[in-house]
Amino acid sequence: MKSIKTFVAVIVLATSFGSFAAQSVTATDTTLAGAEAKIAAQAQQAGASSYQITEAYTGNQVHMTAELSK
């Protein structure tokens, strides 16, 4: 019986932490400011409380990736 309660507790905790997982978004623009503005718009649309840019690189355009936090 104790092992069943432990198993259920682990499942409940695992599923509750899944709701806090960060969502990743990307944007492409000709400037860093433009790409970040697109990331900010996506964050606002998703209802995120904040975002953290995890990657940005340039070539012919700027490509940016960020993780959203709720």
Protein backbone atom coordinates (compact mmCIF):
# COMPACT_ATOMS: atom_id res chain seq x y z
CA MET A 1 0.00 0.00 0.00
CA LYS A 2 2.85 2.36 0.85
CA SER A 3 4.44 1.81 -2.57
CA ILE A 4 1.16 2.69 -4.31
CA LYS A 5 0.90 5.96 -2.35
CA THR A 6 4.51 6.76 -3.21
CA PHE A 7 3.90 6.01 -6.89
CA VAL A 8 0.81 8.23 -6.97
CA ALA A 9 2.71 11.05 -5.23
CA VAL A 10 5.52 10.83 -7.80
CA ILE A 11 3.05 10.94 -10.70
CA VAL A 12 1.23 13.96 -9.23
CA LEU A 13 4.48 15.85 -8.69
CA ALA A 14 5.77 15.00 -12.15
CA THR A 15 2.63 16.25 -13.87
CA SER A 16 2.48 19.43 -11.80
CA PHE A 17 6.07 20.34 -12.71
CA GLY A 18 5.24 19.79 -16.37
CA SER A 19 2.92 22.80 -16.29
CA PHE A 20 5.89 25.04 -15.41
CA ALA A 21 7.96 23.95 -18.42
CA ALA A 22 9.25 26.78 -20.52
CA GLN A 23 7.95 27.27 -24.04
CA SER A 24 10.47 28.06 -26.75
CA VAL A 25 9.77 30.58 -29.53
CA THR A 26 11.80 31.85 -32.48
CA ALA A 27 11.80 34.98 -34.62
CA THR A 28 13.63 36.23 -37.69
CA ASP A 29 14.14 39.86 -38.73
CA THR A 30 16.71 42.12 -40.37
CA THR A 31 17.81 43.68 -37.04
CA LEU A 32 18.32 42.53 -33.44
CA ALA A 33 15.72 45.02 -32.24
CA GLY A 34 13.18 43.77 -34.75
CA ALA A 35 13.72 40.12 -33.81
CA GLU A 36 13.42 40.94 -30.10
CA ALA A 37 10.22 42.89 -30.75
CA LYS A 38 8.77 39.82 -32.43
CA ILE A 39 9.81 37.66 -29.46
CA ALA A 40 8.17 40.15 -27.07
CA ALA A 41 4.96 40.08 -29.12
CA GLN A 42 4.91 36.28 -29.07
CA ALA A 43 5.48 36.29 -25.31
CA GLN A 44 2.63 38.72 -24.76
CA GLN A 45 0.32 36.69 -27.01
CA ALA A 46 1.17 33.49 -25.11
CA GLY A 47 0.50 35.20 -21.76
CA ALA A 48 4.07 34.78 -20.56
CA SER A 49 5.26 36.84 -17.61
CA SER A 50 8.80 37.02 -19.01
CA TYR A 51 11.15 35.68 -21.64
CA GLN A 52 14.85 34.94 -21.84
CA ILE A 53 16.76 35.06 -25.10
CA THR A 54 18.77 31.86 -25.36
CA GLU A 55 20.23 32.24 -28.83
CA ALA A 56 20.76 34.94 -31.45
CA TYR A 57 22.83 34.82 -34.59
CA THR A 58 23.18 36.81 -37.77
CA GLY A 59 23.79 35.99 -41.37
CA ASN A 60 21.66 37.65 -44.01
CA GLN A 61 19.05 38.06 -41.24
CA VAL A 62 18.89 37.84 -37.45
CA HIS A 63 17.52 34.62 -36.00
CA MET A 64 16.59 34.63 -32.30
CA THR A 65 15.30 31.96 -29.92
CA ALA A 66 13.83 32.59 -26.47
CA GLU A 67 12.20 30.65 -23.66
CA LEU A 68 8.94 31.97 -22.25
CA SER A 69 8.08 31.74 -18.55
CA LYS A 70 4.60 31.92 -17.15
